[in-house]
Amino acid sequence: NVLGVDVQLPLKRNSILIKPHLGKLNTAQGVVVTEHGPVTVEWRRAPGSQRLSFFLDFPRKTQATVALPTGSAPSRLVLDGRTVPFRCDRGRAMFSVNGGIHRGFLETKGEMEK
């Protein structure tokens, strides 16, 4: 799915995966209702930009693994106003975050993957 929200099993882990598949879209937003509650996501990429901005809102009792598409060299991830560490795995910038409301962006060098 474009928004990329998926519940991780077993359910008692209270864990979700957020892995958007934007393709050629520059923006996508919506709410996915999960067993843990509603998950709101918004993705924005300005045409020609090396920045993917995001908004996440999901239940506080859950934890999310977020996997953002990267370009050839992801350079900086900012989450809630702070630069945070991330790891790269198969063309994705991966990080974990606890439930709540989060805003941020990923900057890359080179064209961003779809």
Protein backbone atom coordinates (compact mmCIF):
# COMPACT_ATOMS: atom_id res chain seq x y z
CA ASN A 1 0.00 0.00 0.00
CA VAL A 2 1.14 3.56 -0.70
CA LEU A 3 0.93 4.76 2.91
CA GLY A 4 2.99 1.78 4.08
CA VAL A 5 1.30 0.99 7.41
CA ASP A 6 1.40 -2.66 8.51
CA VAL A 7 0.90 -4.35 11.89
CA GLN A 8 3.78 -6.54 13.05
CA LEU A 9 3.06 -9.94 14.54
CA PRO A 10 2.55 -11.13 17.17
CA LEU A 11 -0.06 -8.50 18.07
CA LYS A 12 0.97 -8.47 21.74
CA ARG A 13 4.22 -6.73 20.70
CA ASN A 14 2.20 -3.59 19.90
CA SER A 15 4.47 -2.92 16.95
CA ILE A 16 3.81 -1.46 13.51
CA LEU A 17 5.92 -1.04 10.39
CA ILE A 18 5.62 2.18 8.41
CA LYS A 19 7.22 1.69 4.98
CA PRO A 20 5.74 4.00 2.32
CA HIS A 21 5.71 3.09 -1.37
CA LEU A 22 5.24 6.45 -3.05
CA GLY A 23 6.26 5.57 -6.59
CA LYS A 24 5.97 8.78 -8.61
CA LEU A 25 3.64 10.45 -6.11
CA ASN A 26 4.90 13.62 -4.46
CA THR A 27 2.35 13.49 -1.67
CA ALA A 28 0.19 10.92 0.09
CA GLN A 29 -1.81 11.06 3.28
CA GLY A 30 -4.41 9.04 5.08
CA VAL A 31 -5.49 7.03 8.09
CA VAL A 32 -5.07 3.28 8.41
CA VAL A 33 -7.16 1.60 11.11
CA THR A 34 -5.15 -1.17 12.78
CA GLU A 35 -5.70 -3.58 15.66
CA HIS A 36 -3.77 -1.07 17.82
CA GLY A 37 -5.84 1.94 16.75
CA PRO A 38 -5.73 4.52 13.94
CA VAL A 39 -2.40 5.40 12.31
CA THR A 40 -2.25 8.73 10.47
CA VAL A 41 0.57 9.32 7.99
CA GLU A 42 1.45 12.09 5.58
CA TRP A 43 4.30 12.09 3.07
CA ARG A 44 5.45 15.12 1.06
CA ARG A 45 8.23 15.39 -1.50
CA ALA A 46 8.68 18.61 -3.50
CA PRO A 47 9.35 17.88 -7.18
CA GLY A 48 13.10 17.80 -7.75
CA SER A 49 13.78 17.90 -4.02
CA GLN A 50 16.05 15.61 -2.03
CA ARG A 51 13.82 15.95 1.02
CA LEU A 52 10.96 13.69 2.10
CA SER A 53 8.86 15.32 4.83
CA PHE A 54 6.55 13.28 7.03
CA PHE A 55 3.90 13.44 9.73
CA LEU A 56 3.05 10.41 11.89
CA ASP A 57 0.36 10.00 14.54
CA PHE A 58 -0.20 6.59 16.09
CA PRO A 59 -1.30 5.20 19.47
CA ARG A 60 1.05 5.84 22.38
CA LYS A 61 0.99 2.19 23.45
CA THR A 62 2.69 1.15 20.21
CA GLN A 63 6.17 1.37 18.74
CA ALA A 64 6.89 1.84 15.04
CA THR A 65 9.76 0.88 12.83
CA VAL A 66 9.87 3.46 10.04
CA ALA A 67 11.57 2.63 6.73
CA LEU A 68 11.86 5.67 4.46
CA PRO A 69 12.98 5.40 0.82
CA THR A 70 16.44 6.86 0.25
CA GLY A 71 18.57 8.09 -2.58
CA SER A 72 22.08 6.90 -3.23
CA ALA A 73 23.29 8.52 0.00
CA PRO A 74 20.87 9.48 2.79
CA SER A 75 22.50 12.28 4.71
CA ARG A 76 20.28 13.50 7.53
CA LEU A 77 17.15 12.47 9.39
CA VAL A 78 15.37 15.06 11.51
CA LEU A 79 12.62 13.86 13.86
CA ASP A 80 10.68 16.30 16.05
CA GLY A 81 13.27 19.02 15.48
CA ARG A 82 16.34 16.89 16.29
CA THR A 83 18.82 15.12 14.06
CA VAL A 84 18.59 11.41 14.91
CA PRO A 85 20.65 8.35 13.96
CA PHE A 86 19.32 5.82 11.47
CA ARG A 87 20.56 2.73 9.70
CA CYS A 88 20.40 1.94 5.99
CA ASP A 89 18.92 -1.34 4.84
CA ARG A 90 18.00 -2.24 1.24
CA GLY A 91 17.50 1.34 0.07
CA ARG A 92 15.66 2.43 3.21
CA ALA A 93 16.57 4.71 6.12
CA MET A 94 15.38 2.77 9.18
CA PHE A 95 14.59 4.09 12.65
CA SER A 96 12.27 3.31 15.56
CA VAL A 97 9.94 5.67 17.37
CA ASN A 98 7.43 5.37 20.20
CA GLY A 99 3.75 6.14 19.68
CA GLY A 100 2.55 9.73 19.56
CA ILE A 101 2.67 12.63 17.10
CA HIS A 102 5.90 13.08 15.12
CA ARG A 103 7.09 15.35 12.34
CA GLY A 104 10.32 15.23 10.43
CA PHE A 105 12.19 14.88 7.17
CA LEU A 106 14.86 12.83 5.48
CA GLU A 107 17.42 14.57 3.28
CA THR A 108 19.36 12.63 0.68
CA LYS A 109 22.15 13.24 -1.79
CA GLY A 110 21.09 12.26 -5.28
CA GLU A 111 17.64 11.31 -6.52
CA MET A 112 15.33 9.70 -3.97
CA GLU A 113 14.25 6.12 -4.59
CA LYS A 114 10.58 5.41 -5.22
